[in-house]
């Protein structure tokens, strides 16, 4: 068994959280260490995007 089979993923098309790669890569976010992290995948991505946008704005100056 591969270590990613034990990690958690968020399915963008259904909103479901699964352990292991149950869906295709186009709709899958992850891997996450915990089920709770996978449930919050969209919020985690939004936070990371905001940090990256702030960094980009700083670099543009």
PDB file of N, CA and C in Angstrom:
ATOM      1  N   UNK A   1       0.844  -1.177   0.000  1.00  0.00           N
ATOM      2  CA  UNK A   1       0.000   0.000   0.000  1.00  0.00           C
ATOM      3  C   UNK A   1       0.890   1.243   0.000  1.00  0.00           C
ATOM      4  N   UNK A   2       0.554   2.173  -0.871  1.00  0.00           N
ATOM      5  CA  UNK A   2       1.299   3.426  -0.982  1.00  0.00           C
ATOM      6  C   UNK A   2       0.845   4.386   0.116  1.00  0.00           C
ATOM      7  N   UNK A   3       1.750   5.235   0.601  1.00  0.00           N
ATOM      8  CA  UNK A   3       1.411   6.154   1.702  1.00  0.00           C
ATOM      9  C   UNK A   3       0.272   7.099   1.348  1.00  0.00           C
ATOM     10  N   UNK A   4       0.126   7.494   0.054  1.00  0.00           N
ATOM     11  CA  UNK A   4      -0.966   8.384  -0.335  1.00  0.00           C
ATOM     12  C   UNK A   4      -2.327   7.691  -0.282  1.00  0.00           C
ATOM     13  N   UNK A   5      -2.352   6.368  -0.215  1.00  0.00           N
ATOM     14  CA  UNK A   5      -3.614   5.642  -0.067  1.00  0.00           C
ATOM     15  C   UNK A   5      -4.229   5.888   1.304  1.00  0.00           C
ATOM     16  N   UNK A   6      -3.425   6.347   2.257  1.00  0.00           N
ATOM     17  CA  UNK A   6      -3.908   6.613   3.608  1.00  0.00           C
ATOM     18  C   UNK A   6      -4.236   8.089   3.828  1.00  0.00           C
ATOM     19  N   UNK A   7      -3.928   8.920   2.847  1.00  0.00           N
ATOM     20  CA  UNK A   7      -4.179  10.358   2.981  1.00  0.00           C
ATOM     21  C   UNK A   7      -5.583  10.687   2.506  1.00  0.00           C
ATOM     22  N   UNK A   8      -5.994  11.919   2.772  1.00  0.00           N
ATOM     23  CA  UNK A   8      -7.357  12.363   2.515  1.00  0.00           C
ATOM     24  C   UNK A   8      -7.403  13.320   1.334  1.00  0.00           C
ATOM     25  N   UNK A   9      -8.512  13.260   0.596  1.00  0.00           N
ATOM     26  CA  UNK A   9      -8.686  14.063  -0.607  1.00  0.00           C
ATOM     27  C   UNK A   9     -10.081  14.676  -0.625  1.00  0.00           C
ATOM     28  N   UNK A  10     -10.180  15.833  -1.285  1.00  0.00           N
ATOM     29  CA  UNK A  10     -11.458  16.521  -1.453  1.00  0.00           C
ATOM     30  C   UNK A  10     -11.839  16.447  -2.923  1.00  0.00           C
ATOM     31  N   UNK A  11     -13.057  16.037  -3.225  1.00  0.00           N
ATOM     32  CA  UNK A  11     -13.550  15.931  -4.593  1.00  0.00           C
ATOM     33  C   UNK A  11     -14.335  17.196  -4.925  1.00  0.00           C
ATOM     34  N   UNK A  12     -13.817  17.980  -5.854  1.00  0.00           N
ATOM     35  CA  UNK A  12     -14.441  19.246  -6.232  1.00  0.00           C
ATOM     36  C   UNK A  12     -15.821  19.059  -6.864  1.00  0.00           C
ATOM     37  N   UNK A  13     -16.037  17.969  -7.569  1.00  0.00           N
ATOM     38  CA  UNK A  13     -17.304  17.784  -8.267  1.00  0.00           C
ATOM     39  C   UNK A  13     -18.437  17.356  -7.345  1.00  0.00           C
ATOM     40  N   UNK A  14     -18.114  16.666  -6.252  1.00  0.00           N
ATOM     41  CA  UNK A  14     -19.160  16.172  -5.353  1.00  0.00           C
ATOM     42  C   UNK A  14     -19.121  16.796  -3.966  1.00  0.00           C
ATOM     43  N   UNK A  15     -17.973  17.386  -3.594  1.00  0.00           N
ATOM     44  CA  UNK A  15     -17.810  17.932  -2.251  1.00  0.00           C
ATOM     45  C   UNK A  15     -17.518  16.859  -1.212  1.00  0.00           C
ATOM     46  N   UNK A  16     -17.298  15.633  -1.672  1.00  0.00           N
ATOM     47  CA  UNK A  16     -17.028  14.531  -0.751  1.00  0.00           C
ATOM     48  C   UNK A  16     -15.557  14.458  -0.386  1.00  0.00           C
ATOM     49  N   UNK A  17     -15.300  13.919   0.796  1.00  0.00           N
ATOM     50  CA  UNK A  17     -13.954  13.683   1.276  1.00  0.00           C
ATOM     51  C   UNK A  17     -13.744  12.178   1.294  1.00  0.00           C
ATOM     52  N   UNK A  18     -12.628  11.738   0.719  1.00  0.00           N
ATOM     53  CA  UNK A  18     -12.343  10.307   0.676  1.00  0.00           C
ATOM     54  C   UNK A  18     -10.923  10.037   1.147  1.00  0.00           C
ATOM     55  N   UNK A  19     -10.723   8.845   1.620  1.00  0.00           N
ATOM     56  CA  UNK A  19      -9.370   8.416   1.968  1.00  0.00           C
ATOM     57  C   UNK A  19      -8.852   7.611   0.788  1.00  0.00           C
ATOM     58  N   UNK A  20      -7.720   8.044   0.258  1.00  0.00           N
ATOM     59  CA  UNK A  20      -7.172   7.431  -0.942  1.00  0.00           C
ATOM     60  C   UNK A  20      -7.677   8.142  -2.182  1.00  0.00           C
ATOM     61  N   UNK A  21      -7.063   7.835  -3.306  1.00  0.00           N
ATOM     62  CA  UNK A  21      -7.386   8.494  -4.574  1.00  0.00           C
ATOM     63  C   UNK A  21      -8.594   7.821  -5.207  1.00  0.00           C
ATOM     64  N   UNK A  22      -9.772   8.178  -4.752  1.00  0.00           N
ATOM     65  CA  UNK A  22     -11.002   7.552  -5.238  1.00  0.00           C
ATOM     66  C   UNK A  22     -11.511   8.198  -6.521  1.00  0.00           C
ATOM     67  N   UNK A  23     -11.062   9.406  -6.828  1.00  0.00           N
ATOM     68  CA  UNK A  23     -11.538  10.108  -8.014  1.00  0.00           C
ATOM     69  C   UNK A  23     -10.369  10.508  -8.897  1.00  0.00           C
ATOM     70  N   UNK A  24     -10.692  10.946 -10.107  1.00  0.00           N
ATOM     71  CA  UNK A  24      -9.671  11.385 -11.048  1.00  0.00           C
ATOM     72  C   UNK A  24      -8.981  12.664 -10.595  1.00  0.00           C
ATOM     73  N   UNK A  25      -7.800  12.891 -11.114  1.00  0.00           N
ATOM     74  CA  UNK A  25      -6.981  14.023 -10.656  1.00  0.00           C
ATOM     75  C   UNK A  25      -7.579  15.376 -11.011  1.00  0.00           C
ATOM     76  N   UNK A  26      -8.425  15.453 -12.028  1.00  0.00           N
ATOM     77  CA  UNK A  26      -8.993  16.749 -12.435  1.00  0.00           C
ATOM     78  C   UNK A  26      -9.925  17.331 -11.381  1.00  0.00           C
ATOM     79  N   UNK A  27     -10.551  16.495 -10.578  1.00  0.00           N
ATOM     80  CA  UNK A  27     -11.503  16.965  -9.569  1.00  0.00           C
ATOM     81  C   UNK A  27     -11.008  16.766  -8.146  1.00  0.00           C
ATOM     82  N   UNK A  28      -9.769  16.377  -7.994  1.00  0.00           N
ATOM     83  CA  UNK A  28      -9.269  15.992  -6.670  1.00  0.00           C
ATOM     84  C   UNK A  28      -8.298  17.038  -6.127  1.00  0.00           C
ATOM     85  N   UNK A  29      -8.505  17.417  -4.864  1.00  0.00           N
ATOM     86  CA  UNK A  29      -7.556  18.275  -4.149  1.00  0.00           C
ATOM     87  C   UNK A  29      -6.947  17.451  -3.039  1.00  0.00           C
ATOM     88  N   UNK A  30      -5.654  17.588  -2.831  1.00  0.00           N
ATOM     89  CA  UNK A  30      -4.989  16.855  -1.782  1.00  0.00           C
ATOM     90  C   UNK A  30      -3.647  16.367  -2.270  1.00  0.00           C
ATOM     91  N   UNK A  31      -2.967  15.627  -1.487  1.00  0.00           N
ATOM     92  CA  UNK A  31      -3.439  14.942  -0.287  1.00  0.00           C
ATOM     93  C   UNK A  31      -3.359  15.821   0.962  1.00  0.00           C
ATOM     94  N   UNK A  32      -4.196  15.486   1.912  1.00  0.00           N
ATOM     95  CA  UNK A  32      -4.213  16.115   3.223  1.00  0.00           C
ATOM     96  C   UNK A  32      -3.953  15.037   4.275  1.00  0.00           C
ATOM     97  N   UNK A  33      -3.365  15.435   5.361  1.00  0.00           N
ATOM     98  CA  UNK A  33      -3.020  14.485   6.418  1.00  0.00           C
ATOM     99  C   UNK A  33      -4.234  13.986   7.188  1.00  0.00           C
ATOM    100  N   UNK A  34      -5.253  14.849   7.312  1.00  0.00           N
ATOM    101  CA  UNK A  34      -6.417  14.468   8.112  1.00  0.00           C
ATOM    102  C   UNK A  34      -7.703  14.686   7.315  1.00  0.00           C
ATOM    103  N   UNK A  35      -8.748  14.017   7.759  1.00  0.00           N
ATOM    104  CA  UNK A  35     -10.056  14.178   7.143  1.00  0.00           C
ATOM    105  C   UNK A  35     -10.547  15.615   7.312  1.00  0.00           C
ATOM    106  N   UNK A  36     -10.301  16.207   8.468  1.00  0.00           N
ATOM    107  CA  UNK A  36     -10.719  17.583   8.728  1.00  0.00           C
ATOM    108  C   UNK A  36     -10.041  18.560   7.772  1.00  0.00           C
ATOM    109  N   UNK A  37      -8.760  18.372   7.506  1.00  0.00           N
ATOM    110  CA  UNK A  37      -8.063  19.234   6.552  1.00  0.00           C
ATOM    111  C   UNK A  37      -8.680  19.107   5.166  1.00  0.00           C
ATOM    112  N   UNK A  38      -8.983  17.900   4.754  1.00  0.00           N
ATOM    113  CA  UNK A  38      -9.585  17.685   3.439  1.00  0.00           C
ATOM    114  C   UNK A  38     -10.949  18.364   3.361  1.00  0.00           C
ATOM    115  N   UNK A  39     -11.728  18.315   4.435  1.00  0.00           N
ATOM    116  CA  UNK A  39     -13.035  18.986   4.463  1.00  0.00           C
ATOM    117  C   UNK A  39     -12.880  20.489   4.272  1.00  0.00           C
ATOM    118  N   UNK A  40     -11.756  21.033   4.712  1.00  0.00           N
ATOM    119  CA  UNK A  40     -11.498  22.474   4.612  1.00  0.00           C
ATOM    120  C   UNK A  40     -10.616  22.826   3.419  1.00  0.00           C
ATOM    121  N   UNK A  41     -10.567  21.962   2.429  1.00  0.00           N
ATOM    122  CA  UNK A  41      -9.671  22.152   1.280  1.00  0.00           C
ATOM    123  C   UNK A  41      -9.891  23.489   0.586  1.00  0.00           C
ATOM    124  N   UNK A  42     -11.131  23.875   0.392  1.00  0.00           N
ATOM    125  CA  UNK A  42     -11.396  25.130  -0.317  1.00  0.00           C
ATOM    126  C   UNK A  42     -10.935  26.336   0.488  1.00  0.00           C
ATOM    127  N   UNK A  43     -11.140  26.301   1.801  1.00  0.00           N
ATOM    128  CA  UNK A  43     -10.693  27.396   2.653  1.00  0.00           C
ATOM    129  C   UNK A  43      -9.162  27.454   2.711  1.00  0.00           C
ATOM    130  N   UNK A  44      -8.526  26.301   2.756  1.00  0.00           N
ATOM    131  CA  UNK A  44      -7.059  26.247   2.759  1.00  0.00           C
ATOM    132  C   UNK A  44      -6.521  26.841   1.457  1.00  0.00           C
ATOM    133  N   UNK A  45      -7.119  26.455   0.335  1.00  0.00           N
ATOM    134  CA  UNK A  45      -6.685  26.981  -0.959  1.00  0.00           C
ATOM    135  C   UNK A  45      -6.896  28.484  -1.042  1.00  0.00           C
ATOM    136  N   UNK A  46      -8.032  28.958  -0.543  1.00  0.00           N
ATOM    137  CA  UNK A  46      -8.304  30.396  -0.559  1.00  0.00           C
ATOM    138  C   UNK A  46      -7.252  31.152   0.255  1.00  0.00           C
ATOM    139  N   UNK A  47      -6.908  30.637   1.421  1.00  0.00           N
ATOM    140  CA  UNK A  47      -5.889  31.272   2.251  1.00  0.00           C
ATOM    141  C   UNK A  47      -4.534  31.303   1.577  1.00  0.00           C
ATOM    142  N   UNK A  48      -4.183  30.206   0.932  1.00  0.00           N
ATOM    143  CA  UNK A  48      -2.903  30.155   0.214  1.00  0.00           C
ATOM    144  C   UNK A  48      -2.895  31.123  -0.959  1.00  0.00           C
ATOM    145  N   UNK A  49      -4.026  31.236  -1.653  1.00  0.00           N
ATOM    146  CA  UNK A  49      -4.116  32.180  -2.770  1.00  0.00           C
ATOM    147  C   UNK A  49      -3.971  33.619  -2.292  1.00  0.00           C
ATOM    148  N   UNK A  50      -4.584  33.946  -1.169  1.00  0.00           N
ATOM    149  CA  UNK A  50      -4.470  35.300  -0.628  1.00  0.00           C
ATOM    150  C   UNK A  50      -3.027  35.626  -0.261  1.00  0.00           C
ATOM    151  N   UNK A  51      -2.330  34.669   0.332  1.00  0.00           N
ATOM    152  CA  UNK A  51      -0.916  34.873   0.675  1.00  0.00           C
ATOM    153  C   UNK A  51      -0.096  35.082  -0.590  1.00  0.00           C
ATOM    154  N   UNK A  52      -0.350  34.255  -1.615  1.00  0.00           N
ATOM    155  CA  UNK A  52       0.392  34.375  -2.872  1.00  0.00           C
ATOM    156  C   UNK A  52       0.087  35.704  -3.562  1.00  0.00           C
ATOM    157  N   UNK A  53      -1.173  36.123  -3.539  1.00  0.00           N
ATOM    158  CA  UNK A  53      -1.530  37.408  -4.152  1.00  0.00           C
ATOM    159  C   UNK A  53      -0.838  38.566  -3.454  1.00  0.00           C
ATOM    160  N   UNK A  54      -0.776  38.522  -2.140  1.00  0.00           N
ATOM    161  CA  UNK A  54      -0.081  39.575  -1.384  1.00  0.00           C
ATOM    162  C   UNK A  54       1.394  39.579  -1.729  1.00  0.00           C
ATOM    163  N   UNK A  55       1.982  38.412  -1.841  1.00  0.00           N
ATOM    164  CA  UNK A  55       3.400  38.317  -2.192  1.00  0.00           C
ATOM    165  C   UNK A  55       3.622  38.885  -3.588  1.00  0.00           C
ATOM    166  N   UNK A  56       2.734  38.531  -4.536  1.00  0.00           N
ATOM    167  CA  UNK A  56       2.858  39.040  -5.909  1.00  0.00           C
ATOM    168  C   UNK A  56       2.775  40.562  -5.937  1.00  0.00           C
ATOM    169  N   UNK A  57       1.842  41.122  -5.179  1.00  0.00           N
ATOM    170  CA  UNK A  57       1.706  42.581  -5.138  1.00  0.00           C
ATOM    171  C   UNK A  57       2.949  43.233  -4.585  1.00  0.00           C
ATOM    172  N   UNK A  58       3.547  42.620  -3.580  1.00  0.00           N
ATOM    173  CA  UNK A  58       4.778  43.157  -2.975  1.00  0.00           C
ATOM    174  C   UNK A  58       5.926  43.093  -3.975  1.00  0.00           C
ATOM    175  N   UNK A  59       6.011  42.009  -4.726  1.00  0.00           N
ATOM    176  CA  UNK A  59       7.067  41.857  -5.724  1.00  0.00           C
ATOM    177  C   UNK A  59       6.909  42.835  -6.871  1.00  0.00           C
ATOM    178  N   UNK A  60       5.706  43.213  -7.197  1.00  0.00           N
ATOM    179  CA  UNK A  60       5.448  44.139  -8.310  1.00  0.00           C
ATOM    180  C   UNK A  60       5.876  45.563  -7.978  1.00  0.00           C
ATOM    181  N   UNK A  61       5.955  45.898  -6.705  1.00  0.00           N
ATOM    182  CA  UNK A  61       6.302  47.263  -6.298  1.00  0.00           C
ATOM    183  C   UNK A  61       7.757  47.585  -6.488  1.00  0.00           C
TER     184      UNK A  61
END
